N, C-alpha and C. Protein backbone atom coordinates (compact mmCIF):
# COMPACT_ATOMS: atom_id res chain seq x y z
N MET A 1 0.85 -1.19 0.00
CA MET A 1 0.00 0.00 0.00
C MET A 1 0.89 1.24 0.00
N SER A 2 0.59 2.18 -0.88
CA SER A 2 1.41 3.39 -1.00
C SER A 2 1.18 4.33 0.18
N ILE A 3 2.08 5.29 0.32
CA ILE A 3 1.93 6.31 1.36
C ILE A 3 0.58 7.00 1.18
N SER A 4 0.28 7.35 -0.05
CA SER A 4 -0.97 8.04 -0.36
C SER A 4 -2.18 7.23 0.10
N ASP A 5 -2.20 5.94 -0.23
CA ASP A 5 -3.33 5.08 0.16
C ASP A 5 -3.44 4.96 1.67
N ARG A 6 -2.29 4.86 2.34
CA ARG A 6 -2.30 4.71 3.80
C ARG A 6 -2.81 5.99 4.47
N VAL A 7 -2.38 7.15 3.97
CA VAL A 7 -2.85 8.43 4.53
C VAL A 7 -4.35 8.58 4.31
N ILE A 8 -4.80 8.27 3.10
CA ILE A 8 -6.23 8.37 2.80
C ILE A 8 -7.03 7.43 3.69
N ALA A 9 -6.52 6.23 3.93
CA ALA A 9 -7.22 5.28 4.80
C ALA A 9 -7.35 5.84 6.22
N ILE A 10 -6.30 6.46 6.73
CA ILE A 10 -6.32 7.03 8.09
C ILE A 10 -7.31 8.19 8.14
N ILE A 11 -7.26 9.07 7.16
CA ILE A 11 -8.17 10.23 7.14
C ILE A 11 -9.61 9.75 7.00
N ALA A 12 -9.84 8.77 6.14
CA ALA A 12 -11.20 8.23 5.95
C ALA A 12 -11.72 7.65 7.26
N GLU A 13 -10.86 6.94 7.98
CA GLU A 13 -11.27 6.35 9.25
C GLU A 13 -11.69 7.45 10.24
N GLN A 14 -10.91 8.52 10.31
CA GLN A 14 -11.24 9.63 11.20
C GLN A 14 -12.56 10.29 10.80
N ALA A 15 -12.82 10.36 9.50
CA ALA A 15 -14.02 11.03 9.00
C ALA A 15 -15.22 10.08 8.95
N VAL A 16 -14.99 8.81 9.30
CA VAL A 16 -16.01 7.76 9.22
C VAL A 16 -16.59 7.72 7.79
N LEU A 17 -15.65 7.64 6.83
CA LEU A 17 -16.00 7.56 5.43
C LEU A 17 -15.27 6.37 4.81
N GLU A 18 -15.67 6.03 3.61
CA GLU A 18 -14.92 5.03 2.84
C GLU A 18 -13.73 5.74 2.22
N PRO A 19 -12.57 5.05 2.10
CA PRO A 19 -11.42 5.69 1.44
C PRO A 19 -11.77 6.24 0.05
N SER A 20 -12.70 5.61 -0.64
CA SER A 20 -13.08 6.09 -1.98
C SER A 20 -13.78 7.45 -1.93
N ASP A 21 -14.27 7.84 -0.74
CA ASP A 21 -14.93 9.14 -0.58
C ASP A 21 -13.93 10.27 -0.35
N VAL A 22 -12.67 9.92 -0.12
CA VAL A 22 -11.64 10.91 0.18
C VAL A 22 -10.80 11.14 -1.08
N THR A 23 -10.84 12.36 -1.62
CA THR A 23 -10.04 12.67 -2.80
C THR A 23 -8.87 13.57 -2.41
N PRO A 24 -7.84 13.63 -3.26
CA PRO A 24 -6.71 14.52 -2.96
C PRO A 24 -7.13 15.98 -2.79
N GLU A 25 -8.20 16.36 -3.48
CA GLU A 25 -8.68 17.75 -3.40
C GLU A 25 -9.51 18.02 -2.15
N SER A 26 -9.93 16.96 -1.45
CA SER A 26 -10.78 17.14 -0.26
C SER A 26 -10.05 17.92 0.81
N THR A 27 -10.77 18.86 1.44
CA THR A 27 -10.21 19.51 2.62
C THR A 27 -10.73 18.74 3.83
N LEU A 28 -10.03 18.85 4.93
CA LEU A 28 -10.47 18.16 6.14
C LEU A 28 -11.83 18.67 6.58
N GLU A 29 -12.05 19.95 6.39
CA GLU A 29 -13.34 20.55 6.74
C GLU A 29 -14.46 19.91 5.91
N GLU A 30 -14.23 19.74 4.61
CA GLU A 30 -15.23 19.11 3.74
C GLU A 30 -15.54 17.68 4.17
N LEU A 31 -14.53 17.03 4.72
CA LEU A 31 -14.69 15.64 5.16
C LEU A 31 -15.31 15.54 6.55
N GLY A 32 -15.53 16.70 7.18
CA GLY A 32 -16.16 16.71 8.49
C GLY A 32 -15.19 16.45 9.63
N ILE A 33 -13.90 16.67 9.37
CA ILE A 33 -12.89 16.47 10.41
C ILE A 33 -12.65 17.79 11.13
N ASP A 34 -12.95 17.81 12.43
CA ASP A 34 -12.76 19.02 13.22
C ASP A 34 -11.34 19.04 13.79
N SER A 35 -11.06 20.01 14.64
CA SER A 35 -9.69 20.14 15.17
C SER A 35 -9.27 18.92 15.98
N LEU A 36 -10.19 18.32 16.73
CA LEU A 36 -9.86 17.12 17.49
C LEU A 36 -9.57 15.96 16.53
N GLY A 37 -10.39 15.84 15.50
CA GLY A 37 -10.16 14.80 14.49
C GLY A 37 -8.84 14.99 13.78
N LEU A 38 -8.47 16.24 13.55
CA LEU A 38 -7.20 16.55 12.91
C LEU A 38 -6.05 16.07 13.79
N VAL A 39 -6.11 16.39 15.06
CA VAL A 39 -5.05 15.97 15.99
C VAL A 39 -4.97 14.44 16.03
N GLU A 40 -6.13 13.77 16.08
CA GLU A 40 -6.13 12.30 16.09
C GLU A 40 -5.55 11.75 14.79
N SER A 41 -5.87 12.40 13.67
CA SER A 41 -5.31 11.97 12.38
C SER A 41 -3.80 12.12 12.37
N ILE A 42 -3.31 13.26 12.87
CA ILE A 42 -1.87 13.51 12.92
C ILE A 42 -1.18 12.43 13.76
N PHE A 43 -1.74 12.13 14.93
CA PHE A 43 -1.15 11.09 15.79
C PHE A 43 -1.13 9.74 15.07
N ALA A 44 -2.24 9.39 14.41
CA ALA A 44 -2.33 8.11 13.71
C ALA A 44 -1.32 8.04 12.58
N ILE A 45 -1.15 9.14 11.85
CA ILE A 45 -0.19 9.18 10.74
C ILE A 45 1.24 9.08 11.28
N GLU A 46 1.53 9.79 12.36
CA GLU A 46 2.87 9.72 12.95
C GLU A 46 3.19 8.29 13.37
N GLU A 47 2.21 7.63 13.97
CA GLU A 47 2.41 6.25 14.42
C GLU A 47 2.58 5.31 13.23
N GLU A 48 1.74 5.46 12.22
CA GLU A 48 1.78 4.60 11.02
C GLU A 48 3.14 4.66 10.33
N PHE A 49 3.70 5.87 10.21
CA PHE A 49 4.94 6.05 9.45
C PHE A 49 6.17 6.24 10.33
N ASP A 50 6.00 6.23 11.65
CA ASP A 50 7.10 6.45 12.59
C ASP A 50 7.84 7.75 12.26
N ILE A 51 7.06 8.82 12.14
CA ILE A 51 7.61 10.14 11.86
C ILE A 51 7.05 11.12 12.88
N SER A 52 7.64 12.31 12.90
CA SER A 52 7.12 13.37 13.74
C SER A 52 6.72 14.53 12.83
N ILE A 53 5.45 14.88 12.87
CA ILE A 53 4.94 15.95 12.01
C ILE A 53 5.08 17.28 12.74
N PRO A 54 5.76 18.24 12.11
CA PRO A 54 5.94 19.55 12.75
C PRO A 54 4.64 20.34 12.70
N PHE A 55 3.75 20.00 13.60
CA PHE A 55 2.41 20.60 13.58
C PHE A 55 2.07 21.13 14.95
N ASN A 56 1.61 22.36 14.99
CA ASN A 56 1.20 22.97 16.25
C ASN A 56 -0.33 23.02 16.26
N ALA A 57 -0.95 22.13 17.01
CA ALA A 57 -2.41 22.05 17.03
C ALA A 57 -3.05 23.34 17.51
N ASN A 58 -2.32 24.09 18.34
CA ASN A 58 -2.87 25.35 18.85
C ASN A 58 -2.79 26.47 17.81
N GLU A 59 -1.84 26.34 16.90
CA GLU A 59 -1.67 27.36 15.86
C GLU A 59 -1.42 26.70 14.51
N PRO A 60 -2.43 26.04 13.93
CA PRO A 60 -2.22 25.34 12.66
C PRO A 60 -1.68 26.24 11.56
N SER A 61 -2.08 27.51 11.56
CA SER A 61 -1.63 28.41 10.50
C SER A 61 -0.15 28.78 10.64
N ALA A 62 0.40 28.61 11.84
CA ALA A 62 1.81 28.93 12.07
C ALA A 62 2.72 27.75 11.77
N SER A 63 2.11 26.64 11.39
CA SER A 63 2.87 25.42 11.13
C SER A 63 3.49 25.44 9.75
N ASP A 64 4.62 24.76 9.60
CA ASP A 64 5.24 24.59 8.29
C ASP A 64 4.56 23.47 7.52
N PHE A 65 3.73 22.70 8.21
CA PHE A 65 3.10 21.54 7.60
C PHE A 65 1.76 21.95 7.01
N ASP A 66 1.62 21.78 5.70
CA ASP A 66 0.42 22.22 4.97
C ASP A 66 -0.72 21.22 5.13
N ILE A 67 -1.82 21.66 5.74
CA ILE A 67 -2.98 20.78 5.92
C ILE A 67 -4.18 21.31 5.14
N SER A 68 -3.90 22.07 4.06
CA SER A 68 -4.98 22.70 3.32
C SER A 68 -5.89 21.70 2.62
N ASN A 69 -5.33 20.57 2.18
CA ASN A 69 -6.15 19.51 1.61
C ASN A 69 -5.40 18.18 1.72
N VAL A 70 -6.06 17.12 1.31
CA VAL A 70 -5.48 15.78 1.45
C VAL A 70 -4.18 15.66 0.64
N ALA A 71 -4.16 16.19 -0.57
CA ALA A 71 -2.95 16.12 -1.40
C ALA A 71 -1.75 16.79 -0.71
N ALA A 72 -2.00 17.94 -0.08
CA ALA A 72 -0.92 18.66 0.62
C ALA A 72 -0.40 17.85 1.81
N ILE A 73 -1.31 17.21 2.51
CA ILE A 73 -0.92 16.37 3.65
C ILE A 73 -0.06 15.20 3.16
N ILE A 74 -0.50 14.55 2.08
CA ILE A 74 0.25 13.42 1.52
C ILE A 74 1.64 13.87 1.09
N THR A 75 1.72 15.01 0.41
CA THR A 75 3.02 15.53 -0.03
C THR A 75 3.94 15.77 1.16
N GLY A 76 3.39 16.38 2.21
CA GLY A 76 4.20 16.64 3.41
C GLY A 76 4.69 15.36 4.06
N ILE A 77 3.84 14.34 4.10
CA ILE A 77 4.22 13.08 4.72
C ILE A 77 5.25 12.35 3.87
N GLN A 78 5.09 12.38 2.55
CA GLN A 78 6.08 11.76 1.67
C GLN A 78 7.45 12.39 1.89
N LYS A 79 7.48 13.71 2.05
CA LYS A 79 8.74 14.43 2.28
C LYS A 79 9.35 13.98 3.61
N LEU A 80 8.54 13.92 4.66
CA LEU A 80 9.05 13.51 5.98
C LEU A 80 9.56 12.08 5.95
N VAL A 81 8.84 11.19 5.27
CA VAL A 81 9.24 9.79 5.20
C VAL A 81 10.55 9.68 4.42
N SER A 82 10.70 10.44 3.34
CA SER A 82 11.92 10.35 2.53
C SER A 82 13.13 10.92 3.28
N GLU A 83 12.89 11.85 4.19
CA GLU A 83 13.99 12.44 4.99
C GLU A 83 14.40 11.54 6.14
N LYS A 84 13.53 10.61 6.49
CA LYS A 84 13.79 9.74 7.63
C LYS A 84 14.73 8.60 7.19
N VAL A 85 15.86 8.53 7.84
CA VAL A 85 16.77 7.42 7.52
C VAL A 85 17.29 6.77 8.76
């Protein structure tokens, strides 16, 4: 399973949706994921990939990690995974 598929599966689980309902263009807001769901998604993704996401839940806009849509999240995670050695 690709990084993209794994991230979509985690986000879909948080949104209580089927992975097929989650598109790269989907925003977390469109998927019904609130700030608590976002934090839970971040934790699940960190655990899945054994990475640390530079995300400040108190100030999402001040973060270097782009959470504007699913594609941006996947891109950020792919970068973190590729940097991890």
